[in-house]
Amino acid sequence: MEVGNHKAMIKENKVILTYHEVYMGACIGVARQLASLRRGETNKVQNVDFGWHSNIEASCAELALAKHLGVFWDGSINTFKEPDVGCLQVRHTQLTDGCLILRNRDDAETRYVLVVGTHPEYLIVGWAWGGVVMRDKFLRDPGGKYPAWFVPQVELQPIGCLDWPERVGSDLPKEGYEA
């Protein structure tokens, strides 16, 4: 593989979830949607495609990243700005050429990973520090109400550039586990 060949790196990051993994991701997605409905939460960006399907695919995308990294995914619900996988926030889109999208409420000190695809196949596209990509050149407001940073895939770092143990963070217990 040629260094800097973004398309070649993406192909190496393909993850295919098993039936049981998709089932687990779907259950978490449904639980997240029900929790949103119970809170009376509405679709803040008024995207007509957001809802049950989006929550299921986003949950499966988190699981795909965890599988790719070889780390545990807890499938947490109602944890919001807490990391999704280790110390990483996952952003998902079904669009193969979709962007990493960050909003004003997102933390500049967090690493965000873009995962694209639909069950059972996902691509771990890359990652970026929030503060590095929250720049005017990426700022757009396609709906006219909620500006956001739309970071193209070519601007992201390959997932392999995350150094261990920083890839999963320091939130894992150090004692009580044998190698």
C-alpha atoms as a PDB file:
ATOM      1  CA  MET A   1       0.000   0.000   0.000  1.00  0.00           C
ATOM      2  CA  GLU A   2       1.253   3.428  -0.924  1.00  0.00           C
ATOM      3  CA  VAL A   3       1.695   5.793   2.025  1.00  0.00           C
ATOM      4  CA  GLY A   4      -0.906   8.527   1.866  1.00  0.00           C
ATOM      5  CA  ASN A   5      -3.208   6.508  -0.387  1.00  0.00           C
ATOM      6  CA  HIS A   6      -6.430   7.256   1.486  1.00  0.00           C
ATOM      7  CA  LYS A   7      -8.674   4.918  -0.551  1.00  0.00           C
ATOM      8  CA  ALA A   8      -6.326   1.972  -0.006  1.00  0.00           C
ATOM      9  CA  MET A   9      -6.264   2.615   3.751  1.00  0.00           C
ATOM     10  CA  ILE A  10     -10.061   2.701   3.878  1.00  0.00           C
ATOM     11  CA  LYS A  11     -10.334  -0.723   2.206  1.00  0.00           C
ATOM     12  CA  GLU A  12      -8.141  -2.176   4.955  1.00  0.00           C
ATOM     13  CA  ASN A  13     -10.602  -0.889   7.553  1.00  0.00           C
ATOM     14  CA  LYS A  14     -13.701  -2.758   6.385  1.00  0.00           C
ATOM     15  CA  VAL A  15     -15.655  -4.440   9.188  1.00  0.00           C
ATOM     16  CA  ILE A  16     -18.444  -6.952   8.646  1.00  0.00           C
ATOM     17  CA  LEU A  17     -20.659  -7.580  11.653  1.00  0.00           C
ATOM     18  CA  THR A  18     -22.128 -11.009  12.253  1.00  0.00           C
ATOM     19  CA  TYR A  19     -25.880 -11.530  12.517  1.00  0.00           C
ATOM     20  CA  HIS A  20     -25.609 -11.607  16.308  1.00  0.00           C
ATOM     21  CA  GLU A  21     -23.542  -8.412  16.385  1.00  0.00           C
ATOM     22  CA  VAL A  22     -26.113  -6.620  14.205  1.00  0.00           C
ATOM     23  CA  TYR A  23     -28.841  -7.900  16.532  1.00  0.00           C
ATOM     24  CA  MET A  24     -26.961  -6.529  19.557  1.00  0.00           C
ATOM     25  CA  GLY A  25     -26.389  -3.153  17.851  1.00  0.00           C
ATOM     26  CA  ALA A  26     -30.043  -3.013  16.791  1.00  0.00           C
ATOM     27  CA  CYS A  27     -31.249  -3.699  20.343  1.00  0.00           C
ATOM     28  CA  ILE A  28     -29.104  -0.841  21.656  1.00  0.00           C
ATOM     29  CA  GLY A  29     -30.320   1.459  18.866  1.00  0.00           C
ATOM     30  CA  VAL A  30     -33.957   0.715  19.692  1.00  0.00           C
ATOM     31  CA  ALA A  31     -33.291   1.293  23.410  1.00  0.00           C
ATOM     32  CA  ARG A  32     -31.655   4.642  22.600  1.00  0.00           C
ATOM     33  CA  GLN A  33     -34.598   5.703  20.444  1.00  0.00           C
ATOM     34  CA  LEU A  34     -37.078   4.724  23.169  1.00  0.00           C
ATOM     35  CA  ALA A  35     -35.049   6.686  25.742  1.00  0.00           C
ATOM     36  CA  SER A  36     -35.187   9.745  23.453  1.00  0.00           C
ATOM     37  CA  LEU A  37     -38.929   9.400  23.020  1.00  0.00           C
ATOM     38  CA  ARG A  38     -39.416   9.031  26.768  1.00  0.00           C
ATOM     39  CA  ARG A  39     -37.473  12.266  27.381  1.00  0.00           C
ATOM     40  CA  GLY A  40     -39.573  14.011  24.737  1.00  0.00           C
ATOM     41  CA  GLU A  41     -36.433  14.718  22.760  1.00  0.00           C
ATOM     42  CA  THR A  42     -36.989  15.841  19.213  1.00  0.00           C
ATOM     43  CA  ASN A  43     -34.787  15.776  16.171  1.00  0.00           C
ATOM     44  CA  LYS A  44     -32.818  18.982  16.792  1.00  0.00           C
ATOM     45  CA  VAL A  45     -31.579  19.352  13.215  1.00  0.00           C
ATOM     46  CA  GLN A  46     -34.981  18.413  11.724  1.00  0.00           C
ATOM     47  CA  ASN A  47     -33.509  15.674   9.535  1.00  0.00           C
ATOM     48  CA  VAL A  48     -36.437  13.570   8.314  1.00  0.00           C
ATOM     49  CA  ASP A  49     -34.164  10.511   8.064  1.00  0.00           C
ATOM     50  CA  PHE A  50     -33.224  10.604  11.740  1.00  0.00           C
ATOM     51  CA  GLY A  51     -34.882   8.214  14.168  1.00  0.00           C
ATOM     52  CA  TRP A  52     -35.129   4.470  14.691  1.00  0.00           C
ATOM     53  CA  HIS A  53     -33.029   3.544  11.673  1.00  0.00           C
ATOM     54  CA  SER A  54     -30.341   6.131  12.416  1.00  0.00           C
ATOM     55  CA  ASN A  55     -30.025   5.025  16.039  1.00  0.00           C
ATOM     56  CA  ILE A  56     -29.694   1.383  14.993  1.00  0.00           C
ATOM     57  CA  GLU A  57     -27.053   2.111  12.339  1.00  0.00           C
ATOM     58  CA  ALA A  58     -25.120   4.422  14.675  1.00  0.00           C
ATOM     59  CA  SER A  59     -25.066   1.749  17.379  1.00  0.00           C
ATOM     60  CA  CYS A  60     -23.840  -0.829  14.869  1.00  0.00           C
ATOM     61  CA  ALA A  61     -21.171   1.639  13.704  1.00  0.00           C
ATOM     62  CA  GLU A  62     -19.895   1.955  17.292  1.00  0.00           C
ATOM     63  CA  LEU A  63     -19.813  -1.823  17.584  1.00  0.00           C
ATOM     64  CA  ALA A  64     -17.946  -2.064  14.250  1.00  0.00           C
ATOM     65  CA  LEU A  65     -15.259   0.336  15.515  1.00  0.00           C
ATOM     66  CA  ALA A  66     -14.881  -1.611  18.760  1.00  0.00           C
ATOM     67  CA  LYS A  67     -14.586  -4.849  16.782  1.00  0.00           C
ATOM     68  CA  HIS A  68     -11.966  -3.269  14.506  1.00  0.00           C
ATOM     69  CA  LEU A  69      -9.922  -2.053  17.481  1.00  0.00           C
ATOM     70  CA  GLY A  70     -10.393  -5.281  19.418  1.00  0.00           C
ATOM     71  CA  VAL A  71     -11.934  -3.566  22.440  1.00  0.00           C
ATOM     72  CA  PHE A  72     -15.113  -4.026  24.451  1.00  0.00           C
ATOM     73  CA  TRP A  73     -18.202  -1.990  23.509  1.00  0.00           C
ATOM     74  CA  ASP A  74     -20.642  -1.437  26.349  1.00  0.00           C
ATOM     75  CA  GLY A  75     -23.535  -0.120  24.248  1.00  0.00           C
ATOM     76  CA  SER A  76     -24.325   2.531  26.832  1.00  0.00           C
ATOM     77  CA  ILE A  77     -27.587   4.456  26.762  1.00  0.00           C
ATOM     78  CA  ASN A  78     -28.137   8.054  27.917  1.00  0.00           C
ATOM     79  CA  THR A  79     -24.420   8.748  28.316  1.00  0.00           C
ATOM     80  CA  PHE A  80     -24.424  11.386  25.542  1.00  0.00           C
ATOM     81  CA  LYS A  81     -21.069  13.193  25.422  1.00  0.00           C
ATOM     82  CA  GLU A  82     -19.239  10.305  27.083  1.00  0.00           C
ATOM     83  CA  PRO A  83     -16.955   8.426  24.677  1.00  0.00           C
ATOM     84  CA  ASP A  84     -18.616   5.701  22.607  1.00  0.00           C
ATOM     85  CA  VAL A  85     -15.641   3.342  22.264  1.00  0.00           C
ATOM     86  CA  GLY A  86     -12.770   3.723  24.726  1.00  0.00           C
ATOM     87  CA  CYS A  87     -11.891   7.422  24.570  1.00  0.00           C
ATOM     88  CA  LEU A  88     -13.362   7.945  21.091  1.00  0.00           C
ATOM     89  CA  GLN A  89     -16.602   9.503  19.879  1.00  0.00           C
ATOM     90  CA  VAL A  90     -18.088   7.756  16.853  1.00  0.00           C
ATOM     91  CA  ARG A  91     -19.868   9.597  14.065  1.00  0.00           C
ATOM     92  CA  HIS A  92     -21.761   7.584  11.467  1.00  0.00           C
ATOM     93  CA  THR A  93     -23.180   8.220   8.033  1.00  0.00           C
ATOM     94  CA  GLN A  94     -24.655   5.916   5.436  1.00  0.00           C
ATOM     95  CA  LEU A  95     -23.157   8.063   2.680  1.00  0.00           C
ATOM     96  CA  THR A  96     -19.983   6.459   1.349  1.00  0.00           C
ATOM     97  CA  ASP A  97     -18.526   9.908   0.666  1.00  0.00           C
ATOM     98  CA  GLY A  98     -20.080  11.488   3.775  1.00  0.00           C
ATOM     99  CA  CYS A  99     -18.265  13.891   6.043  1.00  0.00           C
ATOM    100  CA  LEU A 100     -17.373  13.812   9.718  1.00  0.00           C
ATOM    101  CA  ILE A 101     -19.894  16.265  11.193  1.00  0.00           C
ATOM    102  CA  LEU A 102     -19.202  18.228  14.377  1.00  0.00           C
ATOM    103  CA  ARG A 103     -21.453  20.796  16.022  1.00  0.00           C
ATOM    104  CA  ASN A 104     -20.993  23.682  18.471  1.00  0.00           C
ATOM    105  CA  ARG A 105     -21.841  21.451  21.444  1.00  0.00           C
ATOM    106  CA  ASP A 106     -19.042  18.984  20.568  1.00  0.00           C
ATOM    107  CA  ASP A 107     -15.838  18.939  22.600  1.00  0.00           C
ATOM    108  CA  ALA A 108     -12.726  20.277  20.885  1.00  0.00           C
ATOM    109  CA  GLU A 109     -10.545  18.050  23.119  1.00  0.00           C
ATOM    110  CA  THR A 110     -12.166  14.815  21.947  1.00  0.00           C
ATOM    111  CA  ARG A 111     -11.188  12.479  19.113  1.00  0.00           C
ATOM    112  CA  TYR A 112     -13.953  11.734  16.628  1.00  0.00           C
ATOM    113  CA  VAL A 113     -14.003   8.700  14.333  1.00  0.00           C
ATOM    114  CA  LEU A 114     -16.000   8.575  11.115  1.00  0.00           C
ATOM    115  CA  VAL A 115     -17.628   5.228  10.315  1.00  0.00           C
ATOM    116  CA  VAL A 116     -19.607   4.866   7.080  1.00  0.00           C
ATOM    117  CA  GLY A 117     -21.926   2.153   5.839  1.00  0.00           C
ATOM    118  CA  THR A 118     -24.993   0.135   6.731  1.00  0.00           C
ATOM    119  CA  HIS A 119     -25.367  -3.197   8.453  1.00  0.00           C
ATOM    120  CA  PRO A 120     -23.613  -5.504   8.276  1.00  0.00           C
ATOM    121  CA  GLU A 121     -20.726  -3.739   6.467  1.00  0.00           C
ATOM    122  CA  TYR A 122     -18.918  -0.650   7.742  1.00  0.00           C
ATOM    123  CA  LEU A 123     -15.755   1.242   6.884  1.00  0.00           C
ATOM    124  CA  ILE A 124     -13.641   2.870   9.575  1.00  0.00           C
ATOM    125  CA  VAL A 125     -12.690   5.940   7.542  1.00  0.00           C
ATOM    126  CA  GLY A 126     -10.496   7.947   9.917  1.00  0.00           C
ATOM    127  CA  TRP A 127     -10.369  10.249  12.890  1.00  0.00           C
ATOM    128  CA  ALA A 128      -9.630  13.823  13.949  1.00  0.00           C
ATOM    129  CA  TRP A 129      -9.306  15.894  17.099  1.00  0.00           C
ATOM    130  CA  GLY A 130     -12.359  18.128  17.356  1.00  0.00           C
ATOM    131  CA  GLY A 131     -10.341  21.301  17.826  1.00  0.00           C
ATOM    132  CA  VAL A 132      -8.162  20.615  14.816  1.00  0.00           C
ATOM    133  CA  VAL A 133     -11.067  20.362  12.367  1.00  0.00           C
ATOM    134  CA  MET A 134     -13.425  22.956  13.853  1.00  0.00           C
ATOM    135  CA  ARG A 135     -12.194  25.530  11.356  1.00  0.00           C
ATOM    136  CA  ASP A 136     -14.034  28.039   9.205  1.00  0.00           C
ATOM    137  CA  LYS A 137     -13.137  26.246   5.981  1.00  0.00           C
ATOM    138  CA  PHE A 138     -15.319  23.275   7.047  1.00  0.00           C
ATOM    139  CA  LEU A 139     -18.224  25.304   8.492  1.00  0.00           C
ATOM    140  CA  ARG A 140     -21.502  24.905   6.568  1.00  0.00           C
ATOM    141  CA  ASP A 141     -25.201  25.377   7.236  1.00  0.00           C
ATOM    142  CA  PRO A 142     -27.081  23.294   4.637  1.00  0.00           C
ATOM    143  CA  GLY A 143     -30.461  23.551   6.420  1.00  0.00           C
ATOM    144  CA  GLY A 144     -30.128  27.247   7.227  1.00  0.00           C
ATOM    145  CA  LYS A 145     -30.622  26.738  10.990  1.00  0.00           C
ATOM    146  CA  TYR A 146     -27.800  24.713  12.515  1.00  0.00           C
ATOM    147  CA  PRO A 147     -24.262  25.401  11.294  1.00  0.00           C
ATOM    148  CA  ALA A 148     -21.802  22.535  11.658  1.00  0.00           C
ATOM    149  CA  TRP A 149     -18.323  21.542  10.571  1.00  0.00           C
ATOM    150  CA  PHE A 150     -18.432  19.071   7.659  1.00  0.00           C
ATOM    151  CA  VAL A 151     -14.969  17.535   7.483  1.00  0.00           C
ATOM    152  CA  PRO A 152     -14.207  15.665   4.228  1.00  0.00           C
ATOM    153  CA  GLN A 153     -12.824  12.152   4.553  1.00  0.00           C
ATOM    154  CA  VAL A 154      -9.491  13.103   2.993  1.00  0.00           C
ATOM    155  CA  GLU A 155      -8.873  15.492   5.909  1.00  0.00           C
ATOM    156  CA  LEU A 156      -9.076  12.684   8.486  1.00  0.00           C
ATOM    157  CA  GLN A 157      -6.164  10.752   9.978  1.00  0.00           C
ATOM    158  CA  PRO A 158      -6.072   6.991   9.344  1.00  0.00           C
ATOM    159  CA  ILE A 159      -7.326   5.002  12.342  1.00  0.00           C
ATOM    160  CA  GLY A 160      -3.946   3.238  12.465  1.00  0.00           C
ATOM    161  CA  CYS A 161      -2.353   6.546  13.507  1.00  0.00           C
ATOM    162  CA  LEU A 162      -3.889   6.261  16.990  1.00  0.00           C
ATOM    163  CA  ASP A 163      -1.116   5.089  19.324  1.00  0.00           C
ATOM    164  CA  TRP A 164      -1.750   2.365  21.870  1.00  0.00           C
ATOM    165  CA  PRO A 165      -2.917   2.724  24.664  1.00  0.00           C
ATOM    166  CA  GLU A 166      -4.352   6.072  23.613  1.00  0.00           C
ATOM    167  CA  ARG A 167      -6.520   4.258  21.048  1.00  0.00           C
ATOM    168  CA  VAL A 168      -8.829   3.087  23.798  1.00  0.00           C
ATOM    169  CA  GLY A 169      -7.966   5.556  26.534  1.00  0.00           C
ATOM    170  CA  SER A 170      -7.077   5.114  30.143  1.00  0.00           C
ATOM    171  CA  ASP A 171     -10.596   4.160  31.230  1.00  0.00           C
ATOM    172  CA  LEU A 172      -9.782   0.444  31.362  1.00  0.00           C
ATOM    173  CA  PRO A 173      -8.842  -1.101  34.727  1.00  0.00           C
ATOM    174  CA  LYS A 174      -5.122  -1.793  35.092  1.00  0.00           C
ATOM    175  CA  GLU A 175      -5.380  -4.303  37.954  1.00  0.00           C
ATOM    176  CA  GLY A 176      -7.095  -7.664  38.080  1.00  0.00           C
ATOM    177  CA  TYR A 177      -6.470  -8.567  34.450  1.00  0.00           C
ATOM    178  CA  GLU A 178      -3.869 -11.103  33.397  1.00  0.00           C
ATOM    179  CA  ALA A 179      -2.321 -10.997  29.943  1.00  0.00           C
END
